[in-house]
Amino acid sequence: MSDADEIEDSSAPLIEHLTELRTRLIRSALAFIVAMVICFTVWNPIFNFLTQPLCDARAAMGDDCGLILIKLQEGFFVAVSISLLGGLALSFPVISYQLWRFVAPGLYKSEKGAFLPFMIASPFMFFLGAAFAFYVVTPLAFDFFLGFQQPGTLTGEGNPASSSIAFQGSAQEYLNLTIKFIVAFGLCFQLPVLLTLMGKAGLVSAAGLRSVRKYAVVGILVLAAVVTPPDVITQVILFVVVYGLYEISIWLVARVERKREAELRAQGLWFEDDEDESDAADEADPLADDPMRQEFDDDDDDTGGDPRDS
C-alpha cells in the first residue's frame, strides 16, 4: 500500500466524524429555531409568568403591577429575549440527545454508564437552581428593592413636605434582572455535577477539596458579590446555597472514591499494603531515592565493598 493510500485511509474516519458533527449541529440548530419561534408566538403568557414575583410583591404593598417601555423598540427586544431563553429551555432535550448521539459511539460500555447519569443530572440541577431562584430568591430580592419606595407627604397648607419615590420599572431591565437570577443560580447548581464528574475522572479528590475549603469560601463570596445585585440578603442566600453544594460535592466525590476502591479490591488491583510499606521505607531511609546515593551504592556493588577500604 502506498503512502497516499495510507493517508486517504486515515483521513476517512475524520471526514466521517466531521460529517456526523455537522449533522448533529444542524439538527440542534433547527430544534432551537423551532422552539424559539414557538416561544415568540406565546411570549406574553411567558412574560406574565416571569413577572409574577414582582406583581405579588407590589400587590402586598397595595401597588399596581405595571412596567413601562422606555424605548420604542424595547417591547420587541423583550419578546426576543423571552424567545431566546424559552427556546433554549424547550430545545435542550433535543440538543443534549444530539450531543449524546455524537459522543456515545466513541465510549466504552462502562464509560457510557458513567457519563449518562451526568447528562441527566446536569439539566435537572440547572432547572432546580432556576426554580429556587424564581420562587425563593427573587421574591425576597424584590421585597428588599421595593422597600425603598416612599409616599409623598403634604404640609398643613397643602405644600409638599417630602417627595414621593415610586417604582416605574422598565420591562427590559426587569427581564434582564430576572434572567440574571435564574441563570446564575442554575449554573451554581451545576457545582456538584461538575466536581463529581472531575472526581470520577481522578482530577480532584475529597481530601483535596477539604484542604482548599477556606479558599472555596473566599471564591464563593466573590461569586456571590459578582452575580447578584448589591443587596446583602441575596448575596447571603447565594453563599449559603453554593457552599452547601460544595460540601455535598465533597461527600459525592468521597463516595465515588470509595466505590472505585471497592471495585479495585474486588479485581485484586488495590495495593494499599504495598504503598504503605513503600511509604514506611521512605520514612526509614529518606535518602533512598537520592541519585547520588544510588550511584554510590552501584559503585559498592561493582567493587564488592566500600571503595574507601581499598
C-alpha atoms as a PDB file:
ATOM      1  CA  MET A   1       0.000   0.000   0.000  1.00  0.00           C
ATOM      2  CA  SER A   2       1.367   3.396  -0.999  1.00  0.00           C
ATOM      3  CA  ASP A   3       1.762   6.346   1.347  1.00  0.00           C
ATOM      4  CA  ALA A   4      -1.047   8.165  -0.471  1.00  0.00           C
ATOM      5  CA  ASP A   5      -3.432   5.272   0.184  1.00  0.00           C
ATOM      6  CA  GLU A   6      -2.492   5.227   3.886  1.00  0.00           C
ATOM      7  CA  ILE A   7      -3.172   8.961   4.121  1.00  0.00           C
ATOM      8  CA  GLU A   8      -6.562   8.548   2.449  1.00  0.00           C
ATOM      9  CA  ASP A   9      -7.498   5.670   4.793  1.00  0.00           C
ATOM     10  CA  SER A  10      -6.513   7.647   7.882  1.00  0.00           C
ATOM     11  CA  SER A  11      -8.446  10.723   6.767  1.00  0.00           C
ATOM     12  CA  ALA A  12     -11.679   8.828   6.145  1.00  0.00           C
ATOM     13  CA  PRO A  13     -12.685   8.485   9.822  1.00  0.00           C
ATOM     14  CA  LEU A  14     -12.011  12.193  10.343  1.00  0.00           C
ATOM     15  CA  ILE A  15     -14.293  13.122   7.443  1.00  0.00           C
ATOM     16  CA  GLU A  16     -16.979  10.824   8.808  1.00  0.00           C
ATOM     17  CA  HIS A  17     -16.731  12.411  12.264  1.00  0.00           C
ATOM     18  CA  LEU A  18     -16.942  15.924  10.802  1.00  0.00           C
ATOM     19  CA  THR A  19     -19.966  14.926   8.731  1.00  0.00           C
ATOM     20  CA  GLU A  20     -21.620  13.442  11.807  1.00  0.00           C
ATOM     21  CA  LEU A  21     -20.824  16.588  13.809  1.00  0.00           C
ATOM     22  CA  ARG A  22     -22.323  18.800  11.104  1.00  0.00           C
ATOM     23  CA  THR A  23     -25.497  16.702  11.058  1.00  0.00           C
ATOM     24  CA  ARG A  24     -25.884  16.908  14.845  1.00  0.00           C
ATOM     25  CA  LEU A  25     -25.255  20.662  14.872  1.00  0.00           C
ATOM     26  CA  ILE A  26     -27.805  21.274  12.118  1.00  0.00           C
ATOM     27  CA  ARG A  27     -30.458  19.250  13.948  1.00  0.00           C
ATOM     28  CA  SER A  28     -29.727  21.084  17.198  1.00  0.00           C
ATOM     29  CA  ALA A  29     -29.921  24.473  15.461  1.00  0.00           C
ATOM     30  CA  LEU A  30     -33.208  23.561  13.781  1.00  0.00           C
ATOM     31  CA  ALA A  31     -34.674  22.403  17.100  1.00  0.00           C
ATOM     32  CA  PHE A  32     -33.606  25.668  18.741  1.00  0.00           C
ATOM     33  CA  ILE A  33     -35.070  27.805  15.943  1.00  0.00           C
ATOM     34  CA  VAL A  34     -38.395  25.937  16.013  1.00  0.00           C
ATOM     35  CA  ALA A  35     -38.592  26.225  19.817  1.00  0.00           C
ATOM     36  CA  MET A  36     -37.699  29.930  19.653  1.00  0.00           C
ATOM     37  CA  VAL A  37     -40.459  30.603  17.106  1.00  0.00           C
ATOM     38  CA  ILE A  38     -42.963  28.759  19.299  1.00  0.00           C
ATOM     39  CA  CYS A  39     -41.951  30.821  22.334  1.00  0.00           C
ATOM     40  CA  PHE A  40     -42.132  34.035  20.318  1.00  0.00           C
ATOM     41  CA  THR A  41     -45.780  33.361  19.481  1.00  0.00           C
ATOM     42  CA  VAL A  42     -46.642  32.984  23.182  1.00  0.00           C
ATOM     43  CA  TRP A  43     -44.207  35.453  24.726  1.00  0.00           C
ATOM     44  CA  ASN A  44     -46.976  37.365  26.524  1.00  0.00           C
ATOM     45  CA  PRO A  45     -48.017  34.472  28.821  1.00  0.00           C
ATOM     46  CA  ILE A  46     -44.343  33.699  29.475  1.00  0.00           C
ATOM     47  CA  PHE A  47     -43.693  37.336  30.395  1.00  0.00           C
ATOM     48  CA  ASN A  48     -46.725  37.346  32.696  1.00  0.00           C
ATOM     49  CA  PHE A  49     -45.364  34.244  34.394  1.00  0.00           C
ATOM     50  CA  LEU A  50     -41.912  35.825  34.839  1.00  0.00           C
ATOM     51  CA  THR A  51     -43.401  38.994  36.328  1.00  0.00           C
ATOM     52  CA  GLN A  52     -45.476  37.095  38.912  1.00  0.00           C
ATOM     53  CA  PRO A  53     -42.952  37.578  41.770  1.00  0.00           C
ATOM     54  CA  LEU A  54     -42.907  41.314  41.143  1.00  0.00           C
ATOM     55  CA  CYS A  55     -46.691  41.504  40.944  1.00  0.00           C
ATOM     56  CA  ASP A  56     -47.057  39.601  44.206  1.00  0.00           C
ATOM     57  CA  ALA A  57     -44.575  41.906  45.950  1.00  0.00           C
ATOM     58  CA  ARG A  58     -46.294  45.035  44.655  1.00  0.00           C
ATOM     59  CA  ALA A  59     -49.763  43.714  45.427  1.00  0.00           C
ATOM     60  CA  ALA A  60     -48.682  43.144  49.033  1.00  0.00           C
ATOM     61  CA  MET A  61     -47.811  46.850  49.153  1.00  0.00           C
ATOM     62  CA  GLY A  62     -51.072  47.887  47.527  1.00  0.00           C
ATOM     63  CA  ASP A  63     -49.415  48.973  44.280  1.00  0.00           C
ATOM     64  CA  ASP A  64     -50.280  48.273  40.679  1.00  0.00           C
ATOM     65  CA  CYS A  65     -48.119  45.743  38.822  1.00  0.00           C
ATOM     66  CA  GLY A  66     -47.193  47.863  35.849  1.00  0.00           C
ATOM     67  CA  LEU A  67     -43.991  48.036  33.809  1.00  0.00           C
ATOM     68  CA  ILE A  68     -43.184  50.631  31.181  1.00  0.00           C
ATOM     69  CA  LEU A  69     -41.347  50.665  27.863  1.00  0.00           C
ATOM     70  CA  ILE A  70     -38.661  53.330  27.950  1.00  0.00           C
ATOM     71  CA  LYS A  71     -37.555  52.876  24.346  1.00  0.00           C
ATOM     72  CA  LEU A  72     -39.709  52.405  21.295  1.00  0.00           C
ATOM     73  CA  GLN A  73     -38.114  49.086  20.356  1.00  0.00           C
ATOM     74  CA  GLU A  74     -37.944  47.780  23.919  1.00  0.00           C
ATOM     75  CA  GLY A  75     -41.098  45.682  23.655  1.00  0.00           C
ATOM     76  CA  PHE A  76     -39.699  43.841  20.634  1.00  0.00           C
ATOM     77  CA  PHE A  77     -36.425  43.064  22.386  1.00  0.00           C
ATOM     78  CA  VAL A  78     -38.338  41.828  25.430  1.00  0.00           C
ATOM     79  CA  ALA A  79     -40.151  39.363  23.185  1.00  0.00           C
ATOM     80  CA  VAL A  80     -36.846  38.319  21.560  1.00  0.00           C
ATOM     81  CA  SER A  81     -35.155  37.799  24.941  1.00  0.00           C
ATOM     82  CA  ILE A  82     -38.032  35.640  26.132  1.00  0.00           C
ATOM     83  CA  SER A  83     -37.931  33.678  22.879  1.00  0.00           C
ATOM     84  CA  LEU A  84     -34.191  33.008  23.211  1.00  0.00           C
ATOM     85  CA  LEU A  85     -34.451  31.867  26.822  1.00  0.00           C
ATOM     86  CA  GLY A  86     -37.576  29.799  26.246  1.00  0.00           C
ATOM     87  CA  GLY A  87     -36.236  28.344  23.005  1.00  0.00           C
ATOM     88  CA  LEU A  88     -33.063  27.178  24.725  1.00  0.00           C
ATOM     89  CA  ALA A  89     -35.009  25.587  27.578  1.00  0.00           C
ATOM     90  CA  LEU A  90     -37.527  23.953  25.233  1.00  0.00           C
ATOM     91  CA  SER A  91     -34.939  22.584  22.804  1.00  0.00           C
ATOM     92  CA  PHE A  92     -32.424  21.478  25.435  1.00  0.00           C
ATOM     93  CA  PRO A  93     -33.598  17.828  25.469  1.00  0.00           C
ATOM     94  CA  VAL A  94     -33.088  17.618  21.712  1.00  0.00           C
ATOM     95  CA  ILE A  95     -29.682  19.326  21.904  1.00  0.00           C
ATOM     96  CA  SER A  96     -28.493  17.053  24.712  1.00  0.00           C
ATOM     97  CA  TYR A  97     -29.748  13.998  22.823  1.00  0.00           C
ATOM     98  CA  GLN A  98     -27.805  15.047  19.700  1.00  0.00           C
ATOM     99  CA  LEU A  99     -24.704  15.574  21.824  1.00  0.00           C
ATOM    100  CA  TRP A 100     -25.101  12.141  23.350  1.00  0.00           C
ATOM    101  CA  ARG A 101     -25.580  10.506  19.951  1.00  0.00           C
ATOM    102  CA  PHE A 102     -22.340  12.097  18.760  1.00  0.00           C
ATOM    103  CA  VAL A 103     -20.267  11.172  21.813  1.00  0.00           C
ATOM    104  CA  ALA A 104     -21.713   7.742  22.658  1.00  0.00           C
ATOM    105  CA  PRO A 105     -20.176   5.735  19.750  1.00  0.00           C
ATOM    106  CA  GLY A 106     -16.668   6.652  20.968  1.00  0.00           C
ATOM    107  CA  LEU A 107     -17.266   5.476  24.534  1.00  0.00           C
ATOM    108  CA  TYR A 108     -16.924   2.039  26.084  1.00  0.00           C
ATOM    109  CA  LYS A 109     -19.951   0.463  27.711  1.00  0.00           C
ATOM    110  CA  SER A 110     -18.626   1.272  31.193  1.00  0.00           C
ATOM    111  CA  GLU A 111     -17.922   4.863  30.147  1.00  0.00           C
ATOM    112  CA  LYS A 112     -21.451   5.231  28.799  1.00  0.00           C
ATOM    113  CA  GLY A 113     -22.856   4.011  32.100  1.00  0.00           C
ATOM    114  CA  ALA A 114     -20.698   6.553  33.947  1.00  0.00           C
ATOM    115  CA  PHE A 115     -21.354   9.517  31.656  1.00  0.00           C
ATOM    116  CA  LEU A 116     -25.090   9.133  31.084  1.00  0.00           C
ATOM    117  CA  PRO A 117     -26.145   9.929  34.693  1.00  0.00           C
ATOM    118  CA  PHE A 118     -24.291  13.238  34.480  1.00  0.00           C
ATOM    119  CA  MET A 119     -26.078  14.070  31.228  1.00  0.00           C
ATOM    120  CA  ILE A 120     -29.372  13.603  33.070  1.00  0.00           C
ATOM    121  CA  ALA A 121     -28.301  15.280  36.320  1.00  0.00           C
ATOM    122  CA  SER A 122     -26.959  18.433  34.657  1.00  0.00           C
ATOM    123  CA  PRO A 123     -30.273  19.773  33.237  1.00  0.00           C
ATOM    124  CA  PHE A 124     -32.116  18.616  36.352  1.00  0.00           C
ATOM    125  CA  MET A 125     -29.785  20.578  38.631  1.00  0.00           C
ATOM    126  CA  PHE A 126     -29.992  23.630  36.355  1.00  0.00           C
ATOM    127  CA  PHE A 127     -33.783  23.679  36.458  1.00  0.00           C
ATOM    128  CA  LEU A 128     -33.668  23.064  40.210  1.00  0.00           C
ATOM    129  CA  GLY A 129     -31.433  26.113  40.625  1.00  0.00           C
ATOM    130  CA  ALA A 130     -33.618  28.171  38.298  1.00  0.00           C
ATOM    131  CA  ALA A 131     -36.739  27.211  40.262  1.00  0.00           C
ATOM    132  CA  PHE A 132     -35.018  28.071  43.548  1.00  0.00           C
ATOM    133  CA  ALA A 133     -34.052  31.475  42.161  1.00  0.00           C
ATOM    134  CA  PHE A 134     -37.529  32.192  40.795  1.00  0.00           C
ATOM    135  CA  TYR A 135     -39.645  31.019  43.732  1.00  0.00           C
ATOM    136  CA  VAL A 136     -37.345  31.829  46.672  1.00  0.00           C
ATOM    137  CA  VAL A 137     -34.679  34.389  45.802  1.00  0.00           C
ATOM    138  CA  THR A 138     -36.497  36.816  43.514  1.00  0.00           C
ATOM    139  CA  PRO A 139     -39.447  37.440  45.901  1.00  0.00           C
ATOM    140  CA  LEU A 140     -37.011  38.271  48.709  1.00  0.00           C
ATOM    141  CA  ALA A 141     -34.929  40.474  46.437  1.00  0.00           C
ATOM    142  CA  PHE A 142     -37.956  42.360  45.086  1.00  0.00           C
ATOM    143  CA  ASP A 143     -39.301  42.936  48.588  1.00  0.00           C
ATOM    144  CA  PHE A 144     -35.925  44.390  49.523  1.00  0.00           C
ATOM    145  CA  PHE A 145     -35.720  46.663  46.472  1.00  0.00           C
ATOM    146  CA  LEU A 146     -39.314  47.865  46.665  1.00  0.00           C
ATOM    147  CA  GLY A 147     -38.826  48.733  50.314  1.00  0.00           C
ATOM    148  CA  PHE A 148     -37.019  51.910  49.249  1.00  0.00           C
ATOM    149  CA  GLN A 149     -40.225  53.467  47.929  1.00  0.00           C
ATOM    150  CA  GLN A 150     -41.846  56.195  49.975  1.00  0.00           C
ATOM    151  CA  PRO A 151     -45.125  58.106  49.665  1.00  0.00           C
ATOM    152  CA  GLY A 152     -45.069  61.868  49.462  1.00  0.00           C
ATOM    153  CA  THR A 153     -46.395  63.952  52.376  1.00  0.00           C
ATOM    154  CA  LEU A 154     -48.019  67.379  52.436  1.00  0.00           C
ATOM    155  CA  THR A 155     -47.846  70.222  54.923  1.00  0.00           C
ATOM    156  CA  GLY A 156     -50.909  71.832  56.504  1.00  0.00           C
ATOM    157  CA  GLU A 157     -51.016  74.419  53.713  1.00  0.00           C
ATOM    158  CA  GLY A 158     -51.105  71.689  51.066  1.00  0.00           C
ATOM    159  CA  ASN A 159     -47.491  72.129  50.045  1.00  0.00           C
ATOM    160  CA  PRO A 160     -45.336  69.008  49.554  1.00  0.00           C
ATOM    161  CA  ALA A 161     -43.286  68.259  52.665  1.00  0.00           C
ATOM    162  CA  SER A 162     -41.374  65.355  51.135  1.00  0.00           C
ATOM    163  CA  SER A 163     -41.113  63.942  47.654  1.00  0.00           C
ATOM    164  CA  SER A 164     -42.501  60.545  46.798  1.00  0.00           C
ATOM    165  CA  ILE A 165     -40.377  57.698  45.464  1.00  0.00           C
ATOM    166  CA  ALA A 166     -42.373  55.282  43.319  1.00  0.00           C
ATOM    167  CA  PHE A 167     -41.216  52.350  41.238  1.00  0.00           C
ATOM    168  CA  GLN A 168     -41.789  52.667  37.499  1.00  0.00           C
ATOM    169  CA  GLY A 169     -39.827  49.746  36.192  1.00  0.00           C
ATOM    170  CA  SER A 170     -38.593  49.117  32.684  1.00  0.00           C
ATOM    171  CA  ALA A 171     -39.792  45.852  31.226  1.00  0.00           C
ATOM    172  CA  GLN A 172     -36.389  45.161  29.671  1.00  0.00           C
ATOM    173  CA  GLU A 173     -34.466  45.906  32.874  1.00  0.00           C
ATOM    174  CA  TYR A 174     -36.794  43.724  34.939  1.00  0.00           C
ATOM    175  CA  LEU A 175     -36.469  40.852  32.484  1.00  0.00           C
ATOM    176  CA  ASN A 176     -32.670  41.144  32.428  1.00  0.00           C
ATOM    177  CA  LEU A 177     -32.544  41.075  36.228  1.00  0.00           C
ATOM    178  CA  THR A 178     -34.821  38.036  36.444  1.00  0.00           C
ATOM    179  CA  ILE A 179     -32.872  36.148  33.783  1.00  0.00           C
ATOM    180  CA  LYS A 180     -29.644  37.002  35.602  1.00  0.00           C
ATOM    181  CA  PHE A 181     -31.012  35.463  38.793  1.00  0.00           C
ATOM    182  CA  ILE A 182     -32.223  32.335  37.000  1.00  0.00           C
ATOM    183  CA  VAL A 183     -29.035  31.727  35.011  1.00  0.00           C
ATOM    184  CA  ALA A 184     -26.715  32.476  37.954  1.00  0.00           C
ATOM    185  CA  PHE A 185     -28.422  30.040  40.321  1.00  0.00           C
ATOM    186  CA  GLY A 186     -28.871  27.458  37.567  1.00  0.00           C
ATOM    187  CA  LEU A 187     -25.133  27.483  36.839  1.00  0.00           C
ATOM    188  CA  CYS A 188     -24.202  27.446  40.525  1.00  0.00           C
ATOM    189  CA  PHE A 189     -26.307  24.315  40.994  1.00  0.00           C
ATOM    190  CA  GLN A 190     -24.031  22.592  38.452  1.00  0.00           C
ATOM    191  CA  LEU A 191     -21.224  22.533  41.033  1.00  0.00           C
ATOM    192  CA  PRO A 192     -21.954  19.036  42.425  1.00  0.00           C
ATOM    193  CA  VAL A 193     -22.277  17.614  38.912  1.00  0.00           C
ATOM    194  CA  LEU A 194     -19.005  19.178  37.766  1.00  0.00           C
ATOM    195  CA  LEU A 195     -16.943  18.228  40.820  1.00  0.00           C
ATOM    196  CA  THR A 196     -18.355  14.688  40.935  1.00  0.00           C
ATOM    197  CA  LEU A 197     -17.510  14.198  37.262  1.00  0.00           C
ATOM    198  CA  MET A 198     -13.994  15.504  37.889  1.00  0.00           C
ATOM    199  CA  GLY A 199     -13.701  13.187  40.876  1.00  0.00           C
ATOM    200  CA  LYS A 200     -14.774  10.227  38.769  1.00  0.00           C
ATOM    201  CA  ALA A 201     -12.086  11.160  36.235  1.00  0.00           C
ATOM    202  CA  GLY A 202      -9.495  11.385  39.016  1.00  0.00           C
ATOM    203  CA  LEU A 203      -8.903  15.117  38.592  1.00  0.00           C
ATOM    204  CA  VAL A 204      -9.987  16.063  42.124  1.00  0.00           C
ATOM    205  CA  SER A 205     -10.222  14.201  45.419  1.00  0.00           C
ATOM    206  CA  ALA A 206     -12.314  14.623  48.529  1.00  0.00           C
ATOM    207  CA  ALA A 207      -9.196  15.275  50.613  1.00  0.00           C
ATOM    208  CA  GLY A 208      -8.067  17.925  48.153  1.00  0.00           C
ATOM    209  CA  LEU A 209     -11.454  19.652  48.232  1.00  0.00           C
ATOM    210  CA  ARG A 210     -11.387  19.648  52.029  1.00  0.00           C
ATOM    211  CA  SER A 211      -7.890  21.138  52.089  1.00  0.00           C
ATOM    212  CA  VAL A 212      -8.941  24.123  49.929  1.00  0.00           C
ATOM    213  CA  ARG A 213     -12.194  24.720  51.789  1.00  0.00           C
ATOM    214  CA  LYS A 214     -11.101  28.139  53.075  1.00  0.00           C
ATOM    215  CA  TYR A 215     -10.177  29.261  49.561  1.00  0.00           C
ATOM    216  CA  ALA A 216     -13.520  27.974  48.312  1.00  0.00           C
ATOM    217  CA  VAL A 217     -15.282  30.144  50.889  1.00  0.00           C
ATOM    218  CA  VAL A 218     -13.495  33.245  49.579  1.00  0.00           C
ATOM    219  CA  GLY A 219     -14.238  32.295  45.976  1.00  0.00           C
ATOM    220  CA  ILE A 220     -17.933  31.746  46.723  1.00  0.00           C
ATOM    221  CA  LEU A 221     -18.130  35.117  48.475  1.00  0.00           C
ATOM    222  CA  VAL A 222     -16.617  36.812  45.415  1.00  0.00           C
ATOM    223  CA  LEU A 223     -19.010  34.914  43.142  1.00  0.00           C
ATOM    224  CA  ALA A 224     -21.999  35.973  45.239  1.00  0.00           C
ATOM    225  CA  ALA A 225     -20.898  39.603  45.054  1.00  0.00           C
ATOM    226  CA  VAL A 226     -20.456  39.487  41.266  1.00  0.00           C
ATOM    227  CA  VAL A 227     -23.504  37.590  40.017  1.00  0.00           C
ATOM    228  CA  THR A 228     -26.112  39.074  42.367  1.00  0.00           C
ATOM    229  CA  PRO A 229     -27.332  42.645  42.807  1.00  0.00           C
ATOM    230  CA  PRO A 230     -25.777  44.675  45.633  1.00  0.00           C
ATOM    231  CA  ASP A 231     -28.102  43.573  48.410  1.00  0.00           C
ATOM    232  CA  VAL A 232     -26.933  41.577  51.380  1.00  0.00           C
ATOM    233  CA  ILE A 233     -29.941  39.236  51.501  1.00  0.00           C
ATOM    234  CA  THR A 234     -29.429  37.794  48.013  1.00  0.00           C
ATOM    235  CA  GLN A 235     -25.674  37.507  48.463  1.00  0.00           C
ATOM    236  CA  VAL A 236     -26.057  35.632  51.749  1.00  0.00           C
ATOM    237  CA  ILE A 237     -28.612  33.265  50.206  1.00  0.00           C
ATOM    238  CA  LEU A 238     -26.354  32.524  47.241  1.00  0.00           C
ATOM    239  CA  PHE A 239     -23.337  32.000  49.514  1.00  0.00           C
ATOM    240  CA  VAL A 240     -25.200  29.588  51.805  1.00  0.00           C
ATOM    241  CA  VAL A 241     -26.604  27.624  48.864  1.00  0.00           C
ATOM    242  CA  VAL A 242     -23.344  27.363  46.913  1.00  0.00           C
ATOM    243  CA  TYR A 243     -21.295  26.495  49.986  1.00  0.00           C
ATOM    244  CA  GLY A 244     -23.838  23.802  50.847  1.00  0.00           C
ATOM    245  CA  LEU A 245     -23.454  22.446  47.324  1.00  0.00           C
ATOM    246  CA  TYR A 246     -19.677  22.471  47.784  1.00  0.00           C
ATOM    247  CA  GLU A 247     -19.980  20.330  50.915  1.00  0.00           C
ATOM    248  CA  ILE A 248     -22.364  17.994  49.084  1.00  0.00           C
ATOM    249  CA  SER A 249     -19.787  17.756  46.291  1.00  0.00           C
ATOM    250  CA  ILE A 250     -17.114  16.667  48.782  1.00  0.00           C
ATOM    251  CA  TRP A 251     -19.435  13.914  50.036  1.00  0.00           C
ATOM    252  CA  LEU A 252     -20.209  12.779  46.476  1.00  0.00           C
ATOM    253  CA  VAL A 253     -16.534  12.710  45.467  1.00  0.00           C
ATOM    254  CA  ALA A 254     -15.710  10.690  48.600  1.00  0.00           C
ATOM    255  CA  ARG A 255     -18.500   8.270  47.689  1.00  0.00           C
ATOM    256  CA  VAL A 256     -17.053   7.899  44.173  1.00  0.00           C
ATOM    257  CA  GLU A 257     -13.621   7.203  45.654  1.00  0.00           C
ATOM    258  CA  ARG A 258     -14.994   4.539  47.997  1.00  0.00           C
ATOM    259  CA  LYS A 259     -16.810   2.881  45.120  1.00  0.00           C
ATOM    260  CA  ARG A 260     -13.661   2.928  42.964  1.00  0.00           C
ATOM    261  CA  GLU A 261     -11.629   1.428  45.813  1.00  0.00           C
ATOM    262  CA  ALA A 262     -14.207  -1.314  46.300  1.00  0.00           C
ATOM    263  CA  GLU A 263     -14.110  -2.193  42.601  1.00  0.00           C
ATOM    264  CA  LEU A 264     -10.300  -2.325  42.566  1.00  0.00           C
ATOM    265  CA  ARG A 265     -10.280  -4.501  45.679  1.00  0.00           C
ATOM    266  CA  ALA A 266     -12.762  -6.871  44.042  1.00  0.00           C
ATOM    267  CA  GLN A 267     -10.483  -7.118  40.990  1.00  0.00           C
ATOM    268  CA  GLY A 268      -7.376  -7.580  43.130  1.00  0.00           C
ATOM    269  CA  LEU A 269      -5.814  -4.363  41.835  1.00  0.00           C
ATOM    270  CA  TRP A 270      -5.719  -2.415  45.087  1.00  0.00           C
ATOM    271  CA  PHE A 271      -2.191  -2.397  46.570  1.00  0.00           C
ATOM    272  CA  GLU A 272      -2.624  -0.302  49.658  1.00  0.00           C
ATOM    273  CA  ASP A 273      -0.306  -2.540  51.734  1.00  0.00           C
ATOM    274  CA  ASP A 274       2.487  -2.198  49.211  1.00  0.00           C
ATOM    275  CA  GLU A 275       2.077   1.568  49.191  1.00  0.00           C
ATOM    276  CA  ASP A 276       2.181   1.636  52.999  1.00  0.00           C
ATOM    277  CA  GLU A 277       5.350  -0.451  53.026  1.00  0.00           C
ATOM    278  CA  SER A 278       6.936   1.847  50.450  1.00  0.00           C
ATOM    279  CA  ASP A 279       5.999   4.902  52.483  1.00  0.00           C
ATOM    280  CA  ALA A 280       7.410   3.307  55.624  1.00  0.00           C
ATOM    281  CA  ALA A 281      10.656   2.507  53.833  1.00  0.00           C
ATOM    282  CA  ASP A 282      10.934   6.069  52.593  1.00  0.00           C
ATOM    283  CA  GLU A 283      10.415   7.364  56.120  1.00  0.00           C
ATOM    284  CA  ALA A 284      13.075   4.965  57.460  1.00  0.00           C
ATOM    285  CA  ASP A 285      15.585   5.934  54.764  1.00  0.00           C
ATOM    286  CA  PRO A 286      14.713   9.350  53.318  1.00  0.00           C
ATOM    287  CA  LEU A 287      17.817   9.257  51.037  1.00  0.00           C
ATOM    288  CA  ALA A 288      16.769   6.050  49.324  1.00  0.00           C
ATOM    289  CA  ASP A 289      15.655   7.908  46.203  1.00  0.00           C
ATOM    290  CA  ASP A 290      18.688  10.206  46.111  1.00  0.00           C
ATOM    291  CA  PRO A 291      20.510   9.726  42.745  1.00  0.00           C
ATOM    292  CA  MET A 292      23.926  10.307  44.354  1.00  0.00           C
ATOM    293  CA  ARG A 293      23.163   7.624  46.976  1.00  0.00           C
ATOM    294  CA  GLN A 294      22.081   5.163  44.289  1.00  0.00           C
ATOM    295  CA  GLU A 295      25.187   5.825  42.221  1.00  0.00           C
ATOM    296  CA  PHE A 296      27.368   5.287  45.280  1.00  0.00           C
ATOM    297  CA  ASP A 297      25.583   2.017  46.051  1.00  0.00           C
ATOM    298  CA  ASP A 298      26.132   0.846  42.471  1.00  0.00           C
ATOM    299  CA  ASP A 299      29.851   1.514  42.841  1.00  0.00           C
ATOM    300  CA  ASP A 300      29.858  -0.559  46.020  1.00  0.00           C
ATOM    301  CA  ASP A 301      28.225  -3.443  44.198  1.00  0.00           C
ATOM    302  CA  ASP A 302      30.766  -3.310  41.358  1.00  0.00           C
ATOM    303  CA  THR A 303      33.829  -3.276  43.646  1.00  0.00           C
ATOM    304  CA  GLY A 304      32.442  -5.707  46.176  1.00  0.00           C
ATOM    305  CA  GLY A 305      32.721  -3.341  49.103  1.00  0.00           C
ATOM    306  CA  ASP A 306      33.337   0.169  50.186  1.00  0.00           C
ATOM    307  CA  PRO A 307      35.865   1.927  47.892  1.00  0.00           C
ATOM    308  CA  ARG A 308      37.362   3.627  50.910  1.00  0.00           C
ATOM    309  CA  ASP A 309      38.538   0.251  52.281  1.00  0.00           C
ATOM    310  CA  SER A 310      40.934  -0.068  49.369  1.00  0.00           C
END
